[in-house]
Amino acid sequence: MRRRATQKKLEPLGQVLQKALKRRHAPIDLEEKRILALWDKAVGPQIAAQTRPSRIKGKTLFVIVSTSVWMQQLHYLKPNIIKQFNSLAQKGEIRNIYFSLGRIDASPFLPPAPSSTPSRDVSWILNKRDSQMIADCTKNISDEELREIVKGVMTKEITRRRMTESGKVP
């Protein structure tokens, strides 16, 4: 009876599984699966709820987006998302993200939406005209979560400008 050769170095289970699947002509890229799993962490819960990474081809990440409004916003955020994603992934570098429209199933475990009001009391800064302008600008946004985010951003920006003008912020 022939003796089995002892293996000098142990292989990670992922590599063994990948080799076995490749021999059976059913390749699966476990590294790609690991990288795709980082998407939620890289973009945060609000964006993750509206998007799903589908695959990686070369240095391009393909992402499905729920609406054209979100797709437009993500195009503006693309450089920041790529930077954050690459810092989390450590291995493999994504140089581009390709967004396409598709159906995104709602997650039953969405975290509560962030508060749109600043943490400090800014009621003395915003006047009725400011509040009315914010309401008018956001009334046509159908997505409630996006509307609250835009209201929060507008409130913070007006607050920041007023505080800068009044000399309260260096």
N, C-alpha and C. Protein backbone atom coordinates (compact mmCIF):
# COMPACT_ATOMS: atom_id res chain seq x y z
N MET A 1 0.83 -1.16 0.00
CA MET A 1 0.00 0.00 0.00
C MET A 1 0.89 1.24 0.00
N ARG A 2 0.45 2.20 -0.79
CA ARG A 2 1.23 3.41 -0.96
C ARG A 2 0.88 4.42 0.12
N ARG A 3 1.87 5.08 0.65
CA ARG A 3 1.66 6.08 1.70
C ARG A 3 1.30 7.44 1.10
N ARG A 4 0.42 8.15 1.77
CA ARG A 4 0.07 9.50 1.34
C ARG A 4 1.20 10.45 1.68
N ALA A 5 1.46 11.35 0.78
CA ALA A 5 2.46 12.37 1.05
C ALA A 5 1.87 13.36 2.04
N THR A 6 2.64 13.70 3.03
CA THR A 6 2.14 14.68 4.01
C THR A 6 2.29 16.08 3.44
N GLN A 7 1.32 16.87 3.73
CA GLN A 7 1.34 18.24 3.25
C GLN A 7 2.18 19.08 4.20
N LYS A 8 3.08 19.85 3.65
CA LYS A 8 3.99 20.63 4.47
C LYS A 8 3.32 21.88 5.05
N LYS A 9 2.39 22.46 4.31
CA LYS A 9 1.77 23.70 4.75
C LYS A 9 0.25 23.58 4.62
N LEU A 10 -0.44 23.94 5.66
CA LEU A 10 -1.90 23.89 5.61
C LEU A 10 -2.44 25.01 4.73
N GLU A 11 -3.50 24.69 3.98
CA GLU A 11 -4.14 25.68 3.12
C GLU A 11 -5.43 26.14 3.78
N PRO A 12 -5.76 27.40 3.59
CA PRO A 12 -7.05 27.88 4.09
C PRO A 12 -8.20 27.13 3.41
N LEU A 13 -9.26 26.93 4.14
CA LEU A 13 -10.41 26.19 3.63
C LEU A 13 -10.98 26.83 2.36
N GLY A 14 -10.96 28.14 2.30
CA GLY A 14 -11.47 28.84 1.12
C GLY A 14 -10.72 28.46 -0.14
N GLN A 15 -9.40 28.33 -0.03
CA GLN A 15 -8.60 27.94 -1.19
C GLN A 15 -8.87 26.50 -1.60
N VAL A 16 -9.01 25.62 -0.62
CA VAL A 16 -9.30 24.21 -0.91
C VAL A 16 -10.65 24.10 -1.61
N LEU A 17 -11.65 24.81 -1.09
CA LEU A 17 -12.99 24.80 -1.68
C LEU A 17 -12.96 25.36 -3.09
N GLN A 18 -12.23 26.44 -3.29
CA GLN A 18 -12.14 27.05 -4.62
C GLN A 18 -11.51 26.09 -5.62
N LYS A 19 -10.45 25.39 -5.20
CA LYS A 19 -9.79 24.41 -6.09
C LYS A 19 -10.74 23.27 -6.43
N ALA A 20 -11.47 22.77 -5.43
CA ALA A 20 -12.40 21.66 -5.66
C ALA A 20 -13.50 22.07 -6.62
N LEU A 21 -14.04 23.27 -6.45
CA LEU A 21 -15.10 23.74 -7.35
C LEU A 21 -14.56 23.97 -8.76
N LYS A 22 -13.33 24.43 -8.85
CA LYS A 22 -12.72 24.66 -10.17
C LYS A 22 -12.55 23.34 -10.92
N ARG A 23 -12.14 22.28 -10.20
CA ARG A 23 -12.00 20.96 -10.83
C ARG A 23 -13.33 20.45 -11.35
N ARG A 24 -14.40 20.83 -10.69
CA ARG A 24 -15.75 20.39 -11.11
C ARG A 24 -16.37 21.38 -12.11
N HIS A 25 -15.58 22.32 -12.57
CA HIS A 25 -16.03 23.32 -13.54
C HIS A 25 -17.16 24.18 -12.99
N ALA A 26 -17.10 24.47 -11.73
CA ALA A 26 -18.07 25.37 -11.09
C ALA A 26 -17.30 26.39 -10.27
N PRO A 27 -16.53 27.26 -10.94
CA PRO A 27 -15.70 28.19 -10.19
C PRO A 27 -16.53 29.24 -9.44
N ILE A 28 -16.08 29.57 -8.28
CA ILE A 28 -16.70 30.62 -7.48
C ILE A 28 -15.57 31.43 -6.88
N ASP A 29 -15.65 32.71 -7.00
CA ASP A 29 -14.59 33.57 -6.51
C ASP A 29 -14.93 34.02 -5.10
N LEU A 30 -14.33 33.36 -4.12
CA LEU A 30 -14.61 33.68 -2.72
C LEU A 30 -14.10 35.05 -2.34
N GLU A 31 -13.01 35.47 -2.96
CA GLU A 31 -12.47 36.82 -2.69
C GLU A 31 -13.47 37.87 -3.15
N GLU A 32 -14.08 37.65 -4.30
CA GLU A 32 -15.09 38.59 -4.79
C GLU A 32 -16.28 38.63 -3.84
N LYS A 33 -16.71 37.48 -3.34
CA LYS A 33 -17.83 37.44 -2.39
C LYS A 33 -17.49 38.23 -1.12
N ARG A 34 -16.25 38.09 -0.66
CA ARG A 34 -15.82 38.81 0.54
C ARG A 34 -15.83 40.32 0.30
N ILE A 35 -15.36 40.72 -0.87
CA ILE A 35 -15.31 42.14 -1.19
C ILE A 35 -16.72 42.71 -1.33
N LEU A 36 -17.61 41.96 -1.99
CA LEU A 36 -18.98 42.43 -2.15
C LEU A 36 -19.69 42.58 -0.80
N ALA A 37 -19.31 41.75 0.16
CA ALA A 37 -19.92 41.81 1.48
C ALA A 37 -19.55 43.10 2.22
N LEU A 38 -18.52 43.79 1.79
CA LEU A 38 -18.09 45.03 2.43
C LEU A 38 -18.92 46.24 2.00
N TRP A 39 -19.74 46.09 0.99
CA TRP A 39 -20.49 47.21 0.43
C TRP A 39 -21.30 47.94 1.50
N ASP A 40 -22.09 47.22 2.29
CA ASP A 40 -22.95 47.86 3.29
C ASP A 40 -22.13 48.68 4.28
N LYS A 41 -21.00 48.15 4.66
CA LYS A 41 -20.14 48.85 5.61
C LYS A 41 -19.53 50.10 4.98
N ALA A 42 -19.20 50.03 3.71
CA ALA A 42 -18.54 51.14 3.02
C ALA A 42 -19.48 52.32 2.77
N VAL A 43 -20.75 52.03 2.48
CA VAL A 43 -21.67 53.11 2.11
C VAL A 43 -22.63 53.53 3.20
N GLY A 44 -22.79 52.72 4.22
CA GLY A 44 -23.71 53.07 5.30
C GLY A 44 -25.11 52.51 5.06
N PRO A 45 -25.95 52.53 6.10
CA PRO A 45 -27.25 51.88 6.01
C PRO A 45 -28.25 52.53 5.04
N GLN A 46 -28.23 53.87 4.90
CA GLN A 46 -29.20 54.52 4.02
C GLN A 46 -28.94 54.17 2.56
N ILE A 47 -27.68 54.25 2.14
CA ILE A 47 -27.36 53.92 0.74
C ILE A 47 -27.46 52.42 0.52
N ALA A 48 -27.04 51.63 1.49
CA ALA A 48 -27.11 50.16 1.36
C ALA A 48 -28.55 49.69 1.18
N ALA A 49 -29.50 50.40 1.77
CA ALA A 49 -30.90 50.02 1.64
C ALA A 49 -31.42 50.25 0.22
N GLN A 50 -30.77 51.12 -0.53
CA GLN A 50 -31.21 51.46 -1.88
C GLN A 50 -30.35 50.83 -2.97
N THR A 51 -29.32 50.08 -2.58
CA THR A 51 -28.37 49.53 -3.55
C THR A 51 -28.00 48.09 -3.21
N ARG A 52 -27.48 47.36 -4.21
CA ARG A 52 -26.94 46.02 -4.01
C ARG A 52 -25.77 45.83 -4.97
N PRO A 53 -24.60 45.47 -4.46
CA PRO A 53 -23.51 45.16 -5.38
C PRO A 53 -23.81 43.84 -6.08
N SER A 54 -23.54 43.76 -7.38
CA SER A 54 -23.86 42.53 -8.09
C SER A 54 -22.62 41.72 -8.46
N ARG A 55 -21.56 42.39 -8.91
CA ARG A 55 -20.36 41.65 -9.29
C ARG A 55 -19.19 42.60 -9.44
N ILE A 56 -18.01 42.01 -9.56
CA ILE A 56 -16.79 42.76 -9.83
C ILE A 56 -16.19 42.18 -11.10
N LYS A 57 -15.86 43.04 -12.03
CA LYS A 57 -15.20 42.60 -13.26
C LYS A 57 -13.99 43.50 -13.46
N GLY A 58 -12.83 42.89 -13.36
CA GLY A 58 -11.60 43.67 -13.43
C GLY A 58 -11.51 44.59 -12.21
N LYS A 59 -11.42 45.86 -12.47
CA LYS A 59 -11.34 46.86 -11.39
C LYS A 59 -12.64 47.66 -11.28
N THR A 60 -13.73 47.12 -11.85
CA THR A 60 -15.02 47.81 -11.84
C THR A 60 -16.01 47.04 -10.98
N LEU A 61 -16.67 47.76 -10.09
CA LEU A 61 -17.72 47.20 -9.24
C LEU A 61 -19.06 47.57 -9.87
N PHE A 62 -19.93 46.58 -10.08
CA PHE A 62 -21.25 46.80 -10.65
C PHE A 62 -22.26 46.80 -9.52
N VAL A 63 -23.09 47.87 -9.46
CA VAL A 63 -24.03 48.05 -8.36
C VAL A 63 -25.42 48.32 -8.94
N ILE A 64 -26.42 47.64 -8.39
CA ILE A 64 -27.81 47.86 -8.77
C ILE A 64 -28.39 48.90 -7.82
N VAL A 65 -29.12 49.87 -8.39
CA VAL A 65 -29.68 50.98 -7.62
C VAL A 65 -31.19 50.98 -7.80
N SER A 66 -31.93 51.33 -6.74
CA SER A 66 -33.39 51.24 -6.76
C SER A 66 -34.07 52.29 -7.63
N THR A 67 -33.58 53.53 -7.63
CA THR A 67 -34.24 54.60 -8.40
C THR A 67 -33.21 55.46 -9.12
N SER A 68 -33.67 56.19 -10.12
CA SER A 68 -32.77 57.08 -10.86
C SER A 68 -32.31 58.25 -10.00
N VAL A 69 -33.12 58.65 -9.04
CA VAL A 69 -32.73 59.74 -8.13
C VAL A 69 -31.52 59.30 -7.30
N TRP A 70 -31.59 58.10 -6.75
CA TRP A 70 -30.46 57.58 -5.99
C TRP A 70 -29.24 57.40 -6.89
N MET A 71 -29.46 56.95 -8.13
CA MET A 71 -28.34 56.74 -9.05
C MET A 71 -27.62 58.07 -9.31
N GLN A 72 -28.39 59.13 -9.53
CA GLN A 72 -27.80 60.45 -9.77
C GLN A 72 -26.98 60.90 -8.56
N GLN A 73 -27.52 60.73 -7.38
CA GLN A 73 -26.81 61.13 -6.16
C GLN A 73 -25.53 60.31 -5.99
N LEU A 74 -25.60 59.02 -6.28
CA LEU A 74 -24.43 58.16 -6.12
C LEU A 74 -23.32 58.51 -7.11
N HIS A 75 -23.68 59.04 -8.27
CA HIS A 75 -22.65 59.48 -9.21
C HIS A 75 -21.82 60.61 -8.60
N TYR A 76 -22.46 61.49 -7.85
CA TYR A 76 -21.73 62.57 -7.19
C TYR A 76 -20.85 62.04 -6.05
N LEU A 77 -21.31 60.98 -5.42
CA LEU A 77 -20.58 60.41 -4.28
C LEU A 77 -19.55 59.35 -4.68
N LYS A 78 -19.50 59.02 -5.97
CA LYS A 78 -18.66 57.91 -6.44
C LYS A 78 -17.20 57.98 -5.97
N PRO A 79 -16.50 59.10 -6.10
CA PRO A 79 -15.09 59.13 -5.65
C PRO A 79 -14.94 58.80 -4.15
N ASN A 80 -15.84 59.31 -3.34
CA ASN A 80 -15.79 59.03 -1.89
C ASN A 80 -16.10 57.56 -1.60
N ILE A 81 -17.06 57.01 -2.32
CA ILE A 81 -17.43 55.61 -2.12
C ILE A 81 -16.26 54.70 -2.51
N ILE A 82 -15.62 54.99 -3.64
CA ILE A 82 -14.48 54.19 -4.08
C ILE A 82 -13.37 54.24 -3.04
N LYS A 83 -13.09 55.43 -2.54
CA LYS A 83 -12.03 55.58 -1.54
C LYS A 83 -12.35 54.78 -0.27
N GLN A 84 -13.58 54.90 0.23
CA GLN A 84 -13.99 54.19 1.44
C GLN A 84 -13.99 52.68 1.21
N PHE A 85 -14.49 52.25 0.07
CA PHE A 85 -14.56 50.83 -0.24
C PHE A 85 -13.15 50.23 -0.30
N ASN A 86 -12.23 50.91 -0.97
CA ASN A 86 -10.86 50.40 -1.09
C ASN A 86 -10.14 50.36 0.25
N SER A 87 -10.43 51.31 1.12
CA SER A 87 -9.78 51.29 2.44
C SER A 87 -10.29 50.11 3.27
N LEU A 88 -11.53 49.72 3.11
CA LEU A 88 -12.07 48.56 3.83
C LEU A 88 -11.62 47.24 3.21
N ALA A 89 -11.53 47.20 1.88
CA ALA A 89 -11.21 45.95 1.18
C ALA A 89 -9.76 45.53 1.38
N GLN A 90 -8.87 46.46 1.55
CA GLN A 90 -7.44 46.21 1.73
C GLN A 90 -6.83 45.52 0.51
N LYS A 91 -7.32 44.35 0.14
CA LYS A 91 -6.84 43.68 -1.07
C LYS A 91 -7.69 44.16 -2.24
N GLY A 92 -7.13 44.10 -3.41
CA GLY A 92 -7.91 44.42 -4.60
C GLY A 92 -8.38 45.86 -4.60
N GLU A 93 -8.18 46.51 -5.70
CA GLU A 93 -8.54 47.92 -5.78
C GLU A 93 -9.64 48.11 -6.80
N ILE A 94 -10.68 48.84 -6.40
CA ILE A 94 -11.77 49.20 -7.29
C ILE A 94 -11.45 50.58 -7.84
N ARG A 95 -11.48 50.71 -9.15
CA ARG A 95 -11.18 52.02 -9.76
C ARG A 95 -12.42 52.70 -10.30
N ASN A 96 -13.49 51.92 -10.50
CA ASN A 96 -14.71 52.50 -11.05
C ASN A 96 -15.91 51.76 -10.49
N ILE A 97 -17.03 52.45 -10.41
CA ILE A 97 -18.29 51.83 -10.02
C ILE A 97 -19.30 52.12 -11.14
N TYR A 98 -19.96 51.08 -11.59
CA TYR A 98 -20.97 51.22 -12.62
C TYR A 98 -22.33 50.99 -11.98
N PHE A 99 -23.18 52.01 -12.01
CA PHE A 99 -24.51 51.93 -11.41
C PHE A 99 -25.53 51.62 -12.49
N SER A 100 -26.49 50.72 -12.18
CA SER A 100 -27.59 50.44 -13.09
C SER A 100 -28.88 50.28 -12.28
N LEU A 101 -29.99 50.62 -12.92
CA LEU A 101 -31.29 50.52 -12.24
C LEU A 101 -31.71 49.06 -12.14
N GLY A 102 -32.35 48.73 -11.04
CA GLY A 102 -32.85 47.38 -10.84
C GLY A 102 -33.74 47.34 -9.62
N ARG A 103 -34.29 46.18 -9.37
CA ARG A 103 -35.20 46.01 -8.24
C ARG A 103 -34.39 45.67 -7.00
N ILE A 104 -34.64 46.39 -5.94
CA ILE A 104 -33.99 46.16 -4.66
C ILE A 104 -35.07 45.76 -3.66
N ASP A 105 -34.97 44.55 -3.13
CA ASP A 105 -35.94 44.11 -2.13
C ASP A 105 -35.66 44.85 -0.83
N ALA A 106 -36.73 45.32 -0.20
CA ALA A 106 -36.58 46.07 1.04
C ALA A 106 -36.09 45.15 2.15
N SER A 107 -35.18 45.65 2.93
CA SER A 107 -34.66 44.88 4.05
C SER A 107 -35.56 45.09 5.26
N PRO A 108 -35.97 44.04 5.94
CA PRO A 108 -36.84 44.21 7.09
C PRO A 108 -36.11 44.74 8.32
N PHE A 109 -34.81 44.86 8.26
CA PHE A 109 -34.03 45.25 9.42
C PHE A 109 -33.35 46.59 9.22
N LEU A 110 -34.03 47.52 8.58
CA LEU A 110 -33.44 48.83 8.37
C LEU A 110 -33.33 49.57 9.69
N PRO A 111 -32.19 50.25 9.92
CA PRO A 111 -32.06 51.03 11.14
C PRO A 111 -32.93 52.28 11.05
N PRO A 112 -33.26 52.89 12.17
CA PRO A 112 -34.08 54.09 12.12
C PRO A 112 -33.36 55.20 11.37
N ALA A 113 -34.13 56.03 10.70
CA ALA A 113 -33.55 57.13 9.94
C ALA A 113 -32.89 58.11 10.90
N PRO A 114 -31.77 58.70 10.47
CA PRO A 114 -31.10 59.65 11.35
C PRO A 114 -31.94 60.90 11.53
N SER A 115 -31.76 61.53 12.65
CA SER A 115 -32.50 62.76 12.94
C SER A 115 -32.06 63.84 11.97
N SER A 116 -33.01 64.59 11.43
CA SER A 116 -32.65 65.63 10.47
C SER A 116 -32.35 66.94 11.15
N THR A 117 -32.56 67.03 12.45
CA THR A 117 -32.30 68.27 13.15
C THR A 117 -30.90 68.23 13.74
N PRO A 118 -30.21 69.37 13.75
CA PRO A 118 -28.88 69.42 14.33
C PRO A 118 -28.94 69.16 15.83
N SER A 119 -27.81 68.71 16.38
CA SER A 119 -27.79 68.35 17.80
C SER A 119 -27.88 69.57 18.70
N ARG A 120 -27.42 70.73 18.21
CA ARG A 120 -27.52 71.94 19.03
C ARG A 120 -28.84 72.64 18.75
N ASP A 121 -29.26 73.50 19.69
CA ASP A 121 -30.48 74.27 19.49
C ASP A 121 -30.17 75.41 18.53
N VAL A 122 -30.75 75.37 17.35
CA VAL A 122 -30.49 76.39 16.35
C VAL A 122 -31.76 77.17 16.02
N SER A 123 -32.75 77.10 16.88
CA SER A 123 -34.01 77.77 16.60
C SER A 123 -33.84 79.28 16.47
N TRP A 124 -32.86 79.85 17.13
CA TRP A 124 -32.61 81.29 17.03
C TRP A 124 -31.99 81.66 15.70
N ILE A 125 -31.44 80.68 14.98
CA ILE A 125 -30.78 80.97 13.71
C ILE A 125 -31.76 80.90 12.54
N LEU A 126 -32.60 79.87 12.51
CA LEU A 126 -33.56 79.72 11.42
C LEU A 126 -34.80 80.55 11.67
N ASN A 127 -35.16 81.37 10.68
CA ASN A 127 -36.39 82.15 10.82
C ASN A 127 -37.50 81.48 10.02
N LYS A 128 -38.69 82.09 10.04
CA LYS A 128 -39.84 81.50 9.33
C LYS A 128 -39.56 81.38 7.84
N ARG A 129 -38.90 82.38 7.28
CA ARG A 129 -38.60 82.37 5.85
C ARG A 129 -37.70 81.18 5.49
N ASP A 130 -36.70 80.91 6.32
CA ASP A 130 -35.81 79.77 6.08
C ASP A 130 -36.58 78.45 6.14
N SER A 131 -37.39 78.30 7.18
CA SER A 131 -38.17 77.08 7.33
C SER A 131 -39.12 76.88 6.16
N GLN A 132 -39.74 77.97 5.69
CA GLN A 132 -40.66 77.88 4.56
C GLN A 132 -39.91 77.51 3.28
N MET A 133 -38.71 78.08 3.10
CA MET A 133 -37.90 77.78 1.92
C MET A 133 -37.51 76.30 1.91
N ILE A 134 -37.10 75.77 3.06
CA ILE A 134 -36.73 74.35 3.15
C ILE A 134 -37.94 73.48 2.83
N ALA A 135 -39.08 73.83 3.37
CA ALA A 135 -40.30 73.05 3.12
C ALA A 135 -40.67 73.09 1.64
N ASP A 136 -40.59 74.27 1.01
CA ASP A 136 -40.92 74.40 -0.41
C ASP A 136 -39.97 73.60 -1.29
N CYS A 137 -38.69 73.63 -0.94
CA CYS A 137 -37.68 72.94 -1.76
C CYS A 137 -37.80 71.42 -1.66
N THR A 138 -38.28 70.91 -0.55
CA THR A 138 -38.31 69.47 -0.34
C THR A 138 -39.69 68.84 -0.51
N LYS A 139 -40.72 69.63 -0.73
CA LYS A 139 -42.08 69.07 -0.78
C LYS A 139 -42.30 68.12 -1.96
N ASN A 140 -41.55 68.26 -3.04
CA ASN A 140 -41.74 67.41 -4.22
C ASN A 140 -40.89 66.15 -4.21
N ILE A 141 -40.11 65.93 -3.15
CA ILE A 141 -39.30 64.72 -3.06
C ILE A 141 -40.19 63.61 -2.52
N SER A 142 -40.43 62.59 -3.34
CA SER A 142 -41.38 61.54 -2.96
C SER A 142 -40.82 60.57 -1.92
N ASP A 143 -39.53 60.33 -1.95
CA ASP A 143 -38.90 59.40 -1.00
C ASP A 143 -38.75 60.10 0.35
N GLU A 144 -39.49 59.63 1.36
CA GLU A 144 -39.52 60.29 2.66
C GLU A 144 -38.14 60.36 3.31
N GLU A 145 -37.39 59.29 3.22
CA GLU A 145 -36.06 59.26 3.84
C GLU A 145 -35.13 60.28 3.17
N LEU A 146 -35.16 60.34 1.85
CA LEU A 146 -34.34 61.29 1.12
C LEU A 146 -34.77 62.72 1.43
N ARG A 147 -36.08 62.95 1.54
CA ARG A 147 -36.60 64.28 1.86
C ARG A 147 -36.07 64.75 3.22
N GLU A 148 -36.07 63.84 4.22
CA GLU A 148 -35.58 64.20 5.55
C GLU A 148 -34.08 64.47 5.53
N ILE A 149 -33.34 63.72 4.73
CA ILE A 149 -31.90 63.94 4.62
C ILE A 149 -31.63 65.31 4.01
N VAL A 150 -32.35 65.64 2.93
CA VAL A 150 -32.16 66.94 2.27
C VAL A 150 -32.54 68.08 3.23
N LYS A 151 -33.63 67.92 3.97
CA LYS A 151 -34.01 68.94 4.96
C LYS A 151 -32.90 69.14 5.98
N GLY A 152 -32.33 68.05 6.46
CA GLY A 152 -31.25 68.13 7.44
C GLY A 152 -30.03 68.83 6.89
N VAL A 153 -29.68 68.51 5.64
CA VAL A 153 -28.51 69.14 5.02
C VAL A 153 -28.76 70.64 4.84
N MET A 154 -29.95 70.99 4.36
CA MET A 154 -30.26 72.40 4.17
C MET A 154 -30.25 73.15 5.50
N THR A 155 -30.81 72.56 6.54
CA THR A 155 -30.83 73.18 7.85
C THR A 155 -29.42 73.40 8.36
N LYS A 156 -28.58 72.39 8.24
CA LYS A 156 -27.20 72.51 8.71
C LYS A 156 -26.43 73.56 7.92
N GLU A 157 -26.64 73.62 6.61
CA GLU A 157 -25.94 74.60 5.79
C GLU A 157 -26.36 76.03 6.13
N ILE A 158 -27.65 76.26 6.27
CA ILE A 158 -28.13 77.61 6.65
C ILE A 158 -27.59 77.97 8.02
N THR A 159 -27.63 77.01 8.94
CA THR A 159 -27.12 77.24 10.29
C THR A 159 -25.63 77.59 10.26
N ARG A 160 -24.88 76.81 9.48
CA ARG A 160 -23.43 77.06 9.39
C ARG A 160 -23.15 78.46 8.84
N ARG A 161 -23.87 78.85 7.80
CA ARG A 161 -23.67 80.18 7.20
C ARG A 161 -24.02 81.30 8.17
N ARG A 162 -25.14 81.14 8.84
CA ARG A 162 -25.55 82.18 9.79
C ARG A 162 -24.57 82.30 10.96
N MET A 163 -24.11 81.18 11.44
CA MET A 163 -23.17 81.21 12.56
C MET A 163 -21.83 81.82 12.11
N THR A 164 -21.41 81.54 10.89
CA THR A 164 -20.18 82.12 10.36
C THR A 164 -20.34 83.64 10.22
N GLU A 165 -21.49 84.06 9.69
CA GLU A 165 -21.75 85.49 9.52
C GLU A 165 -21.81 86.22 10.85
N SER A 166 -22.36 85.56 11.87
CA SER A 166 -22.50 86.22 13.18
C SER A 166 -21.20 86.17 14.00
N GLY A 167 -20.20 85.42 13.50
CA GLY A 167 -18.93 85.36 14.20
C GLY A 167 -18.90 84.31 15.31
N LYS A 168 -19.91 83.45 15.37
CA LYS A 168 -19.96 82.42 16.44
C LYS A 168 -19.09 81.22 16.09
N VAL A 169 -18.73 81.08 14.81
CA VAL A 169 -17.89 79.97 14.39
C VAL A 169 -16.60 80.56 13.84
N PRO A 170 -15.45 80.04 14.25
CA PRO A 170 -14.17 80.60 13.77
C PRO A 170 -13.98 80.39 12.30
